[in-house]
Protein backbone atom coordinates (compact mmCIF):
# COMPACT_ATOMS: atom_id res chain seq x y z
CA MET A 1 -0.40 -3.43 16.20
CA ASN A 2 -2.67 -2.59 19.07
CA ILE A 3 -4.59 0.31 17.60
CA ILE A 4 -6.56 0.58 14.41
CA ARG A 5 -8.12 3.83 13.43
CA VAL A 6 -10.78 3.76 10.75
CA SER A 7 -10.72 7.40 9.83
CA ASP A 8 -9.47 9.83 7.25
CA ARG A 9 -6.18 9.99 9.16
CA TYR A 10 -5.18 6.60 10.48
CA GLU A 11 -2.20 6.23 12.77
CA TRP A 12 -1.61 2.52 13.29
CA CYS A 13 -3.36 -0.28 11.55
CA ALA A 14 -3.29 -4.08 11.78
CA LEU A 15 -5.05 -4.55 8.45
CA PRO A 16 -3.34 -5.04 5.11
CA GLU A 17 -5.44 -2.27 3.55
CA LYS A 18 -5.90 0.73 5.79
CA PRO A 19 -9.57 1.78 5.76
CA GLU A 20 -10.08 5.53 5.74
CA ASN A 21 -13.63 5.52 7.09
CA VAL A 22 -16.42 3.19 8.17
CA ASP A 23 -17.55 2.68 4.56
CA ASP A 24 -14.08 1.40 3.64
CA LEU A 25 -14.13 -0.97 6.61
CA VAL A 26 -17.54 -2.33 5.60
CA HIS A 27 -16.27 -2.75 2.04
CA GLN A 28 -13.26 -4.71 3.36
CA LEU A 29 -15.56 -6.89 5.45
CA MET A 30 -17.73 -7.66 2.41
CA GLU A 31 -14.67 -8.41 0.25
CA ALA A 32 -13.27 -10.69 2.94
CA ARG A 33 -16.59 -12.54 3.11
CA ASP A 34 -16.63 -12.99 -0.66
CA GLU A 35 -13.01 -14.22 -0.64
CA ARG A 36 -13.60 -16.57 2.32
CA ARG A 37 -11.23 -14.75 4.66
CA LEU A 38 -13.83 -13.02 6.82
CA LEU A 39 -13.03 -15.01 9.99
CA LYS A 40 -9.38 -13.92 9.89
CA LEU A 41 -10.33 -10.26 9.39
CA GLN A 42 -12.85 -10.48 12.23
CA ARG A 43 -10.20 -12.05 14.50
CA ASP A 44 -7.77 -9.26 13.58
CA LEU A 45 -10.36 -6.60 14.38
CA ALA A 46 -11.33 -8.32 17.64
CA ALA A 47 -7.68 -8.49 18.72
CA VAL A 48 -6.83 -4.78 18.54
CA LYS A 49 -6.99 -2.93 21.83
CA LEU A 50 -8.62 0.20 20.44
CA LEU A 51 -10.83 0.42 17.35
CA ILE A 52 -11.89 3.90 16.26
CA ILE A 53 -14.85 4.01 13.90
CA ASP A 54 -15.11 7.50 12.45
CA LYS A 55 -17.89 9.09 10.41
CA LEU A 56 -20.59 6.55 11.21
CA GLY A 57 -23.88 7.76 9.82
CA TYR A 58 -22.77 9.87 6.89
CA VAL A 59 -23.91 7.21 4.41
CA PRO A 60 -26.52 4.49 5.01
CA LEU A 61 -25.05 0.98 5.00
CA SER A 62 -26.28 -1.98 2.99
CA THR A 63 -28.07 -4.77 4.85
CA THR A 64 -25.07 -7.08 4.47
CA GLY A 65 -22.64 -4.32 5.49
CA THR A 66 -24.74 -3.54 8.53
CA GLU A 67 -24.77 -7.17 9.64
CA LEU A 68 -21.00 -7.49 9.18
CA LEU A 69 -20.30 -4.29 11.11
CA PHE A 70 -22.69 -5.40 13.85
CA GLU A 71 -20.71 -8.64 14.11
CA VAL A 72 -17.47 -6.66 14.58
CA PHE A 73 -19.04 -4.66 17.41
CA SER A 74 -20.51 -7.81 18.97
CA GLN A 75 -17.18 -9.64 18.91
CA ARG A 76 -15.45 -6.66 20.56
CA TYR A 77 -18.16 -6.19 23.22
CA GLU A 78 -16.49 -6.20 26.66
CA ARG A 79 -13.22 -7.43 25.06
CA GLY A 80 -11.75 -4.32 23.44
CA SER A 81 -12.15 -0.57 23.48
CA THR A 82 -14.11 1.00 20.67
CA ILE A 83 -14.62 4.67 19.88
CA VAL A 84 -17.41 5.62 17.50
CA THR A 85 -17.92 9.12 16.12
CA SER A 86 -21.14 10.12 14.44
CA ASN A 87 -22.97 13.29 13.56
CA LEU A 88 -26.30 11.58 14.31
CA PRO A 89 -28.08 11.24 17.64
CA PHE A 90 -28.84 7.64 18.66
CA GLU A 91 -32.51 8.09 17.70
CA GLU A 92 -31.48 8.44 14.05
CA TRP A 93 -29.12 5.46 13.85
CA THR A 94 -31.90 3.29 12.46
CA SER A 95 -31.63 5.33 9.24
CA VAL A 96 -28.03 4.09 8.90
CA PHE A 97 -28.49 0.48 9.99
CA GLY A 98 -31.96 -0.03 8.55
CA ALA A 99 -33.42 -2.57 10.96
CA GLU A 100 -34.76 -1.22 14.24
CA ARG A 101 -34.08 -4.45 16.14
CA LEU A 102 -30.45 -4.64 14.95
CA THR A 103 -29.90 -0.95 15.75
CA GLY A 104 -31.29 -1.48 19.25
CA ALA A 105 -29.03 -4.48 19.84
CA LEU A 106 -26.02 -2.54 18.56
CA LEU A 107 -26.75 0.48 20.75
CA ASP A 108 -27.30 -1.85 23.71
CA ARG A 109 -23.73 -3.16 23.28
CA LEU A 110 -22.15 0.18 22.45
CA THR A 111 -23.72 2.11 25.32
CA HIS A 112 -23.02 -0.43 28.05
CA HIS A 113 -19.96 0.52 30.17
CA VAL A 114 -19.25 3.67 28.15
CA HIS A 115 -18.62 7.38 28.38
CA ILE A 116 -20.75 9.29 25.88
CA LEU A 117 -19.38 12.65 24.81
CA SER A 118 -22.02 14.76 23.14
CA MET A 119 -20.49 17.74 21.40
CA ASN A 120 -22.89 20.36 20.20
CA GLY A 121 -21.92 23.71 18.87
CA GLU A 122 -20.77 25.51 15.81
CA SER A 123 -18.81 23.56 13.25
CA TYR A 124 -15.12 24.45 13.32
CA ARG A 125 -14.94 24.13 9.52
CA LEU A 126 -17.94 26.42 8.93
CA THR A 127 -16.58 28.98 11.40
CA GLN A 128 -13.17 28.96 9.73
CA SER A 129 -14.72 29.20 6.27
CA ALA A 130 -16.81 32.22 7.31
CA ARG A 131 -13.72 33.85 8.80
CA CYS A 132 -11.80 33.29 5.56
CA ARG A 133 -14.61 34.81 3.49
CA LYS A 134 -14.67 37.84 5.78
CA LEU A 135 -10.90 38.23 5.48
CA ALA A 136 -11.12 37.82 1.70
CA ALA A 137 -13.68 40.62 1.55
CA THR A 138 -11.32 42.82 3.58
CA ASP A 139 -8.52 41.77 1.22
CA ALA A 140 -10.51 43.03 -1.77
CA ASP A 141 -10.94 46.45 -0.11
CA ASP A 142 -7.23 46.92 0.66
CA GLN A 143 -5.19 45.41 -2.19
CA SER A 144 -2.11 47.49 -1.36
CA ALA A 145 -1.34 45.83 1.96
CA VAL A 146 -2.42 42.25 1.44
CA GLU A 147 -1.38 39.86 -1.33
CA ALA A 148 -3.56 36.86 -0.50
CA ILE A 149 -5.26 34.80 2.19
CA ASP A 150 -4.35 31.15 2.71
CA PRO A 151 -7.70 29.28 2.45
CA ASP A 152 -6.53 26.47 4.77
CA THR A 153 -5.18 28.56 7.63
CA CYS A 154 -6.78 31.96 6.91
CA GLU A 155 -3.34 33.50 7.32
CA ILE A 156 -2.87 36.81 5.59
CA ILE A 157 0.11 36.86 3.26
CA ILE A 158 1.56 40.37 3.23
CA ARG A 159 3.63 41.68 0.31
């Protein structure tokens, strides 16, 4: 396949085990290294046209994991498209990758020839959750008209 998405909802994947997030990908890289099949996995990752790395920065990576992920980015540099999502500003990436020099080299590769989309604002999930709580409070006041509120969609289910 031409696209691999390392996220909680992958669409197409060239790997035998579909990683759901960056931690799963790092785990696969470490397993492949231990089983002496790392070069094949790295070639597979380098060959895809678009690699989406989602949720980078939620959990710090081990030193070995960081080095393996850095190698993936380095091999794809100027050869394939890569999308990275993170809730951290670049200044805080050292907390994920550990070494300042490695983080700088990684950011140098990732930010060359790129479009950076910085999205700041209220969290959609927190906004929806607050809306559901408000609707639930209204629901408690008027039990005759409303049976329940769907917590996923906040839709009011009327009797």
